[in-house]
Amino acid sequence: MAIIQIVPPVPGILYLSPTPGAALFKQPGDAVAAGETVALVEVMKSFLPVEAEAAGTFVRYLVDNEANVEPDQAVCEIEG
């Protein structure tokens, strides 16, 4: 199986859960569907989804919650 790295569509602040205090979008071992949201990026008070490009099994997040990220920076890995 190949490891697929997911990158955000825009630079901004990365959120690993849908709301403060909520569970993470994904935990290691969770199934991921193509197009499923695995994180959010905040840009100027707008929240954009970071979506899986392919289906597979969630491996791990590569950055911390509320980290600044760039569009070419991998934020998580999926084994597909």
N, C-alpha and C. Protein backbone atom coordinates (compact mmCIF):
# COMPACT_ATOMS: atom_id res chain seq x y z
N MET A 1 0.83 -1.19 0.00
CA MET A 1 0.00 0.00 0.00
C MET A 1 0.88 1.26 0.00
N ALA A 2 0.41 2.27 -0.67
CA ALA A 2 1.15 3.52 -0.76
C ALA A 2 0.67 4.50 0.30
N ILE A 3 1.58 5.34 0.75
CA ILE A 3 1.25 6.41 1.69
C ILE A 3 0.95 7.66 0.87
N ILE A 4 -0.22 8.24 1.11
CA ILE A 4 -0.66 9.44 0.41
C ILE A 4 -0.62 10.59 1.40
N GLN A 5 0.09 11.66 1.06
CA GLN A 5 0.14 12.84 1.93
C GLN A 5 -0.90 13.84 1.45
N ILE A 6 -1.65 14.36 2.41
CA ILE A 6 -2.71 15.33 2.11
C ILE A 6 -2.19 16.73 2.42
N VAL A 7 -2.40 17.65 1.48
CA VAL A 7 -1.95 19.04 1.65
C VAL A 7 -3.17 19.97 1.64
N PRO A 8 -3.09 21.10 2.35
CA PRO A 8 -4.21 22.04 2.37
C PRO A 8 -4.31 22.79 1.04
N PRO A 9 -5.52 23.28 0.72
CA PRO A 9 -5.70 24.01 -0.55
C PRO A 9 -5.12 25.42 -0.52
N VAL A 10 -4.96 25.99 0.69
CA VAL A 10 -4.48 27.36 0.85
C VAL A 10 -3.65 27.45 2.14
N PRO A 11 -2.83 28.50 2.27
CA PRO A 11 -2.13 28.69 3.55
C PRO A 11 -3.09 29.19 4.61
N GLY A 12 -2.78 28.89 5.86
CA GLY A 12 -3.63 29.37 6.95
C GLY A 12 -3.36 28.62 8.23
N ILE A 13 -4.32 28.65 9.14
CA ILE A 13 -4.21 27.97 10.42
C ILE A 13 -5.00 26.67 10.31
N LEU A 14 -4.36 25.56 10.66
CA LEU A 14 -4.97 24.24 10.53
C LEU A 14 -5.70 23.85 11.81
N TYR A 15 -6.91 23.33 11.66
CA TYR A 15 -7.70 22.81 12.78
C TYR A 15 -7.97 21.34 12.52
N LEU A 16 -7.70 20.51 13.53
CA LEU A 16 -7.82 19.06 13.38
C LEU A 16 -9.16 18.53 13.87
N SER A 17 -10.05 19.41 14.35
CA SER A 17 -11.39 19.00 14.77
C SER A 17 -12.39 20.03 14.25
N PRO A 18 -13.65 19.63 14.12
CA PRO A 18 -14.64 20.55 13.53
C PRO A 18 -14.98 21.75 14.40
N THR A 19 -14.87 21.61 15.72
CA THR A 19 -15.12 22.71 16.67
C THR A 19 -14.17 22.56 17.86
N PRO A 20 -13.91 23.64 18.57
CA PRO A 20 -13.03 23.52 19.75
C PRO A 20 -13.58 22.50 20.75
N GLY A 21 -12.72 21.64 21.23
CA GLY A 21 -13.12 20.64 22.21
C GLY A 21 -13.73 19.38 21.62
N ALA A 22 -14.00 19.37 20.33
CA ALA A 22 -14.58 18.18 19.68
C ALA A 22 -13.47 17.18 19.38
N ALA A 23 -13.88 15.95 19.11
CA ALA A 23 -12.93 14.90 18.73
C ALA A 23 -12.25 15.27 17.41
N LEU A 24 -11.05 14.75 17.21
CA LEU A 24 -10.35 14.96 15.95
C LEU A 24 -11.16 14.41 14.79
N PHE A 25 -10.98 14.99 13.61
CA PHE A 25 -11.66 14.47 12.43
C PHE A 25 -11.34 12.99 12.24
N LYS A 26 -10.07 12.61 12.43
CA LYS A 26 -9.65 11.22 12.21
C LYS A 26 -8.64 10.79 13.27
N GLN A 27 -8.67 9.50 13.58
CA GLN A 27 -7.71 8.85 14.47
C GLN A 27 -6.96 7.80 13.65
N PRO A 28 -5.73 7.45 14.04
CA PRO A 28 -5.02 6.39 13.33
C PRO A 28 -5.86 5.12 13.24
N GLY A 29 -5.92 4.55 12.04
CA GLY A 29 -6.69 3.34 11.80
C GLY A 29 -8.10 3.59 11.27
N ASP A 30 -8.59 4.83 11.33
CA ASP A 30 -9.93 5.16 10.81
C ASP A 30 -9.96 5.04 9.28
N ALA A 31 -11.09 4.61 8.77
CA ALA A 31 -11.30 4.60 7.32
C ALA A 31 -11.52 6.02 6.84
N VAL A 32 -11.02 6.31 5.65
CA VAL A 32 -11.17 7.62 5.02
C VAL A 32 -11.73 7.42 3.62
N ALA A 33 -12.77 8.16 3.29
CA ALA A 33 -13.35 8.12 1.95
C ALA A 33 -12.74 9.25 1.10
N ALA A 34 -12.65 9.03 -0.19
CA ALA A 34 -12.19 10.09 -1.08
C ALA A 34 -13.13 11.28 -0.96
N GLY A 35 -12.56 12.47 -0.80
CA GLY A 35 -13.35 13.68 -0.66
C GLY A 35 -13.78 13.99 0.76
N GLU A 36 -13.46 13.12 1.71
CA GLU A 36 -13.84 13.33 3.11
C GLU A 36 -12.95 14.39 3.75
N THR A 37 -13.53 15.23 4.60
CA THR A 37 -12.79 16.27 5.31
C THR A 37 -11.96 15.65 6.42
N VAL A 38 -10.66 15.96 6.44
CA VAL A 38 -9.77 15.45 7.48
C VAL A 38 -9.22 16.57 8.36
N ALA A 39 -9.47 17.83 7.97
CA ALA A 39 -9.03 19.00 8.75
C ALA A 39 -9.70 20.23 8.13
N LEU A 40 -9.51 21.37 8.80
CA LEU A 40 -9.99 22.65 8.28
C LEU A 40 -8.83 23.63 8.27
N VAL A 41 -8.83 24.55 7.31
CA VAL A 41 -7.85 25.63 7.26
C VAL A 41 -8.62 26.94 7.36
N GLU A 42 -8.20 27.78 8.32
CA GLU A 42 -8.82 29.09 8.48
C GLU A 42 -8.00 30.12 7.72
N VAL A 43 -8.70 30.87 6.87
CA VAL A 43 -8.10 31.96 6.11
C VAL A 43 -9.03 33.15 6.23
N MET A 44 -8.59 34.19 6.90
CA MET A 44 -9.38 35.42 7.05
C MET A 44 -10.80 35.12 7.54
N LYS A 45 -10.91 34.33 8.59
CA LYS A 45 -12.18 33.98 9.26
C LYS A 45 -13.07 33.07 8.42
N SER A 46 -12.55 32.53 7.33
CA SER A 46 -13.27 31.52 6.55
C SER A 46 -12.60 30.17 6.79
N PHE A 47 -13.41 29.14 6.92
CA PHE A 47 -12.89 27.80 7.17
C PHE A 47 -13.09 26.94 5.93
N LEU A 48 -11.99 26.46 5.37
CA LEU A 48 -12.02 25.65 4.16
C LEU A 48 -11.64 24.21 4.51
N PRO A 49 -12.32 23.24 3.92
CA PRO A 49 -12.00 21.84 4.23
C PRO A 49 -10.69 21.40 3.57
N VAL A 50 -9.98 20.55 4.30
CA VAL A 50 -8.84 19.83 3.74
C VAL A 50 -9.38 18.43 3.50
N GLU A 51 -9.47 18.03 2.23
CA GLU A 51 -10.14 16.78 1.87
C GLU A 51 -9.14 15.72 1.41
N ALA A 52 -9.47 14.48 1.73
CA ALA A 52 -8.67 13.35 1.26
C ALA A 52 -8.84 13.22 -0.25
N GLU A 53 -7.76 13.00 -0.94
CA GLU A 53 -7.81 12.85 -2.39
C GLU A 53 -8.14 11.43 -2.82
N ALA A 54 -7.98 10.49 -1.89
CA ALA A 54 -8.24 9.08 -2.19
C ALA A 54 -8.73 8.39 -0.93
N ALA A 55 -9.36 7.25 -1.11
CA ALA A 55 -9.82 6.46 0.03
C ALA A 55 -8.66 5.66 0.60
N GLY A 56 -8.77 5.33 1.88
CA GLY A 56 -7.73 4.53 2.51
C GLY A 56 -7.92 4.49 4.01
N THR A 57 -6.82 4.27 4.71
CA THR A 57 -6.81 4.21 6.16
C THR A 57 -5.97 5.36 6.69
N PHE A 58 -6.53 6.10 7.64
CA PHE A 58 -5.82 7.24 8.20
C PHE A 58 -4.61 6.74 8.98
N VAL A 59 -3.44 7.36 8.73
CA VAL A 59 -2.20 6.98 9.41
C VAL A 59 -1.91 7.93 10.56
N ARG A 60 -1.77 9.24 10.25
CA ARG A 60 -1.45 10.21 11.30
C ARG A 60 -1.49 11.63 10.77
N TYR A 61 -1.63 12.58 11.71
CA TYR A 61 -1.44 13.99 11.41
C TYR A 61 0.04 14.29 11.50
N LEU A 62 0.52 15.18 10.65
CA LEU A 62 1.92 15.56 10.61
C LEU A 62 2.20 16.91 11.25
N VAL A 63 1.15 17.64 11.61
CA VAL A 63 1.28 18.95 12.24
C VAL A 63 0.35 19.01 13.45
N ASP A 64 0.61 19.96 14.32
CA ASP A 64 -0.21 20.15 15.51
C ASP A 64 -1.45 20.98 15.19
N ASN A 65 -2.45 20.84 16.03
CA ASN A 65 -3.66 21.66 15.93
C ASN A 65 -3.28 23.13 16.05
N GLU A 66 -3.89 23.97 15.24
CA GLU A 66 -3.70 25.41 15.20
C GLU A 66 -2.32 25.83 14.71
N ALA A 67 -1.66 24.95 13.96
CA ALA A 67 -0.37 25.29 13.36
C ALA A 67 -0.59 26.08 12.08
N ASN A 68 0.34 26.96 11.76
CA ASN A 68 0.32 27.65 10.48
C ASN A 68 0.81 26.68 9.42
N VAL A 69 0.10 26.58 8.30
CA VAL A 69 0.47 25.66 7.24
C VAL A 69 0.50 26.38 5.89
N GLU A 70 1.25 25.79 4.98
CA GLU A 70 1.37 26.29 3.61
C GLU A 70 0.71 25.29 2.67
N PRO A 71 0.31 25.70 1.45
CA PRO A 71 -0.39 24.81 0.55
C PRO A 71 0.43 23.61 0.07
N ASP A 72 1.74 23.67 0.14
CA ASP A 72 2.56 22.53 -0.29
C ASP A 72 3.04 21.69 0.89
N GLN A 73 2.55 21.99 2.09
CA GLN A 73 2.97 21.29 3.30
C GLN A 73 2.00 20.14 3.61
N ALA A 74 2.50 18.92 3.70
CA ALA A 74 1.66 17.78 4.05
C ALA A 74 1.17 17.92 5.48
N VAL A 75 -0.13 17.68 5.70
CA VAL A 75 -0.70 17.82 7.05
C VAL A 75 -1.10 16.47 7.65
N CYS A 76 -1.29 15.45 6.81
CA CYS A 76 -1.61 14.13 7.31
C CYS A 76 -1.29 13.09 6.25
N GLU A 77 -1.32 11.83 6.69
CA GLU A 77 -1.02 10.72 5.79
C GLU A 77 -2.15 9.69 5.81
N ILE A 78 -2.43 9.15 4.63
CA ILE A 78 -3.42 8.10 4.46
C ILE A 78 -2.74 6.95 3.71
N GLU A 79 -2.98 5.75 4.16
CA GLU A 79 -2.47 4.57 3.46
C GLU A 79 -3.57 4.10 2.53
N GLY A 80 -3.27 4.09 1.24
CA GLY A 80 -4.30 3.74 0.28
C GLY A 80 -3.91 2.63 -0.65
